[in-house]
C-alpha atoms as a PDB file:
ATOM      1  CA  MET A   1      -4.742   6.824 -11.681  1.00  0.00           C
ATOM      2  CA  SER A   2      -2.458   8.395  -9.139  1.00  0.00           C
ATOM      3  CA  ASP A   3      -3.488   5.907  -6.447  1.00  0.00           C
ATOM      4  CA  THR A   4      -2.983   2.975  -8.832  1.00  0.00           C
ATOM      5  CA  TYR A   5       0.491   4.120  -9.861  1.00  0.00           C
ATOM      6  CA  HIS A   6       1.539   4.840  -6.287  1.00  0.00           C
ATOM      7  CA  ALA A   7       0.201   1.511  -5.007  1.00  0.00           C
ATOM      8  CA  LEU A   8       2.492  -0.338  -7.405  1.00  0.00           C
ATOM      9  CA  PHE A   9       5.421   2.011  -6.802  1.00  0.00           C
ATOM     10  CA  HIS A  10       5.089   1.629  -3.035  1.00  0.00           C
ATOM     11  CA  ALA A  11       5.048  -2.147  -3.416  1.00  0.00           C
ATOM     12  CA  LEU A  12       8.300  -1.917  -5.382  1.00  0.00           C
ATOM     13  CA  THR A  13      10.175   0.200  -2.862  1.00  0.00           C
ATOM     14  CA  CYS A  14      13.072  -1.425  -1.087  1.00  0.00           C
ATOM     15  CA  ALA A  15      12.832   0.029   2.421  1.00  0.00           C
ATOM     16  CA  ASP A  16      11.314  -3.101   3.958  1.00  0.00           C
ATOM     17  CA  ALA A  17      13.996  -5.299   2.388  1.00  0.00           C
ATOM     18  CA  LEU A  18      16.878  -3.063   3.452  1.00  0.00           C
ATOM     19  CA  VAL A  19      15.737  -1.793   6.843  1.00  0.00           C
ATOM     20  CA  GLY A  20      12.862  -4.066   7.853  1.00  0.00           C
ATOM     21  CA  SER A  21       9.103  -3.633   7.878  1.00  0.00           C
ATOM     22  CA  THR A  22       9.093  -3.386  11.678  1.00  0.00           C
ATOM     23  CA  LYS A  23      11.134  -0.173  11.453  1.00  0.00           C
ATOM     24  CA  ARG A  24       8.721   1.837   9.278  1.00  0.00           C
ATOM     25  CA  ASN A  25       8.511   4.661  11.830  1.00  0.00           C
ATOM     26  CA  GLY A  26      12.282   5.164  11.877  1.00  0.00           C
ATOM     27  CA  SER A  27      14.159   7.844   9.993  1.00  0.00           C
ATOM     28  CA  THR A  28      16.376   5.334   8.164  1.00  0.00           C
ATOM     29  CA  TRP A  29      13.367   3.483   6.750  1.00  0.00           C
ATOM     30  CA  VAL A  30      11.765   6.772   5.673  1.00  0.00           C
ATOM     31  CA  ARG A  31      14.990   7.948   4.018  1.00  0.00           C
ATOM     32  CA  ILE A  32      15.375   4.720   2.028  1.00  0.00           C
ATOM     33  CA  TYR A  33      11.684   4.734   1.119  1.00  0.00           C
ATOM     34  CA  ARG A  34      11.834   8.346  -0.124  1.00  0.00           C
ATOM     35  CA  SER A  35      15.071   7.852  -2.027  1.00  0.00           C
ATOM     36  CA  LEU A  36      14.082   5.221  -4.585  1.00  0.00           C
ATOM     37  CA  GLU A  37      14.764   6.734  -7.984  1.00  0.00           C
ATOM     38  CA  HIS A  38      11.587   6.418 -10.087  1.00  0.00           C
ATOM     39  CA  SER A  39      13.397   6.529 -13.418  1.00  0.00           C
ATOM     40  CA  LYS A  40      15.872   3.830 -12.384  1.00  0.00           C
ATOM     41  CA  ALA A  41      13.040   1.661 -11.114  1.00  0.00           C
ATOM     42  CA  LYS A  42      11.586   1.791 -14.605  1.00  0.00           C
ATOM     43  CA  VAL A  43      14.793   0.319 -16.034  1.00  0.00           C
ATOM     44  CA  GLU A  44      15.731  -2.248 -13.383  1.00  0.00           C
ATOM     45  CA  LEU A  45      12.513  -3.838 -12.196  1.00  0.00           C
ATOM     46  CA  THR A  46      10.591  -6.621 -13.880  1.00  0.00           C
ATOM     47  CA  PHE A  47       7.413  -4.601 -13.578  1.00  0.00           C
ATOM     48  CA  ALA A  48       8.948  -1.770 -15.563  1.00  0.00           C
ATOM     49  CA  LEU A  49       6.483  -1.631 -18.437  1.00  0.00           C
ATOM     50  CA  LEU A  50       3.473  -1.507 -16.154  1.00  0.00           C
ATOM     51  CA  LEU A  51       5.133   1.087 -13.922  1.00  0.00           C
ATOM     52  CA  VAL A  52       6.078   3.253 -16.888  1.00  0.00           C
ATOM     53  CA  ASN A  53       2.558   3.061 -18.323  1.00  0.00           C
ATOM     54  CA  LEU A  54       0.921   3.830 -14.993  1.00  0.00           C
ATOM     55  CA  GLN A  55       3.260   6.769 -14.422  1.00  0.00           C
ATOM     56  CA  LYS A  56       2.395   8.162 -17.861  1.00  0.00           C
ATOM     57  CA  LYS A  57      -1.334   7.814 -17.169  1.00  0.00           C
ATOM     58  CA  ARG A  58      -0.905   9.288 -13.671  1.00  0.00           C
ATOM     59  CA  HIS A  59       0.834  12.337 -15.104  1.00  0.00           C
ATOM     60  CA  GLU A  60      -1.912  12.679 -17.696  1.00  0.00           C
ATOM     61  CA  ALA A  61      -4.641  12.386 -15.047  1.00  0.00           C
ATOM     62  CA  ASP A  62      -2.951  14.560 -12.418  1.00  0.00           C
ATOM     63  CA  TYR A  63      -1.294  17.295 -14.457  1.00  0.00           C
ATOM     64  CA  ASP A  64      -3.028  17.653 -17.821  1.00  0.00           C
ATOM     65  CA  PRO A  65      -5.862  20.163 -17.418  1.00  0.00           C
ATOM     66  CA  ARG A  66      -7.822  18.566 -20.232  1.00  0.00           C
ATOM     67  CA  PRO A  67     -10.358  15.830 -19.395  1.00  0.00           C
ATOM     68  CA  PHE A  68      -8.817  12.420 -18.750  1.00  0.00           C
ATOM     69  CA  THR A  69      -9.471  10.341 -21.859  1.00  0.00           C
ATOM     70  CA  SER A  70      -9.309   6.804 -20.449  1.00  0.00           C
ATOM     71  CA  GLY A  71     -12.683   5.245 -19.876  1.00  0.00           C
ATOM     72  CA  LEU A  72     -13.804   3.461 -16.723  1.00  0.00           C
ATOM     73  CA  SER A  73     -13.136  -0.009 -18.143  1.00  0.00           C
ATOM     74  CA  THR A  74      -9.561   0.991 -19.033  1.00  0.00           C
ATOM     75  CA  ILE A  75      -8.993   2.443 -15.574  1.00  0.00           C
ATOM     76  CA  ARG A  76     -10.350  -0.744 -13.994  1.00  0.00           C
ATOM     77  CA  SER A  77      -7.914  -2.707 -16.136  1.00  0.00           C
ATOM     78  CA  TYR A  78      -4.995  -0.588 -14.859  1.00  0.00           C
ATOM     79  CA  VAL A  79      -6.121  -1.131 -11.272  1.00  0.00           C
ATOM     80  CA  SER A  80      -6.431  -4.880 -11.873  1.00  0.00           C
ATOM     81  CA  ASP A  81      -2.973  -5.061 -13.488  1.00  0.00           C
ATOM     82  CA  ALA A  82      -1.414  -3.149 -10.603  1.00  0.00           C
ATOM     83  CA  ALA A  83      -3.164  -5.351  -8.026  1.00  0.00           C
ATOM     84  CA  LEU A  84      -1.865  -8.482  -9.760  1.00  0.00           C
ATOM     85  CA  ALA A  85       1.675  -7.071  -9.894  1.00  0.00           C
ATOM     86  CA  ILE A  86       1.528  -6.160  -6.196  1.00  0.00           C
ATOM     87  CA  SER A  87       0.280  -9.659  -5.388  1.00  0.00           C
ATOM     88  CA  ASP A  88       3.148 -11.156  -7.407  1.00  0.00           C
ATOM     89  CA  LEU A  89       5.652  -8.960  -5.568  1.00  0.00           C
ATOM     90  CA  LYS A  90       4.472 -10.341  -2.241  1.00  0.00           C
ATOM     91  CA  SER A  91       5.733 -13.774  -3.289  1.00  0.00           C
ATOM     92  CA  VAL A  92       9.247 -12.527  -4.108  1.00  0.00           C
ATOM     93  CA  SER A  93      11.795 -13.766  -1.581  1.00  0.00           C
ATOM     94  CA  LEU A  94      13.446 -11.364   0.834  1.00  0.00           C
ATOM     95  CA  ASP A  95      16.823 -12.263  -0.701  1.00  0.00           C
ATOM     96  CA  ARG A  96      15.605 -11.209  -4.157  1.00  0.00           C
ATOM     97  CA  LYS A  97      14.073  -8.002  -2.788  1.00  0.00           C
ATOM     98  CA  GLN A  98      17.393  -7.175  -1.113  1.00  0.00           C
ATOM     99  CA  GLU A  99      19.258  -7.920  -4.342  1.00  0.00           C
ATOM    100  CA  VAL A 100      16.987  -5.580  -6.319  1.00  0.00           C
ATOM    101  CA  ALA A 101      17.236  -2.941  -3.588  1.00  0.00           C
ATOM    102  CA  ALA A 102      21.028  -3.094  -3.696  1.00  0.00           C
ATOM    103  CA  ILE A 103      21.221  -2.440  -7.440  1.00  0.00           C
ATOM    104  CA  LEU A 104      18.843   0.527  -7.479  1.00  0.00           C
ATOM    105  CA  PRO A 105      20.657   3.830  -7.312  1.00  0.00           C
ATOM    106  CA  LEU A 106      19.164   5.860  -4.533  1.00  0.00           C
ATOM    107  CA  LYS A 107      18.656   9.588  -4.554  1.00  0.00           C
ATOM    108  CA  THR A 108      17.983  11.638  -1.428  1.00  0.00           C
ATOM    109  CA  ARG A 109      14.665  13.470  -1.559  1.00  0.00           C
ATOM    110  CA  SER A 110      13.566  16.193   0.816  1.00  0.00           C
END
């Protein structure tokens, strides 16, 4: 679940749109990448419901000591939904990605 959530979250980050994908090794790219506010992403992005659901399931899977209750078919469905959302995001124009990136409040993370 954690990998599925993070795959979608990473696809939603704005570092490539703001700094450029060719600058991924630079400190500015890393700072922008690390600063996307998860809670604000849930409100602003069109993939909010999926992101919120995946984050809830990730927290359940990663932090709840009880056995994870979702079955394999449900987990496969989450993975499929995230893959489709990531694929859809790849078709979003750079202008739109920059617009979304500009409206997301950023928070510095260590």
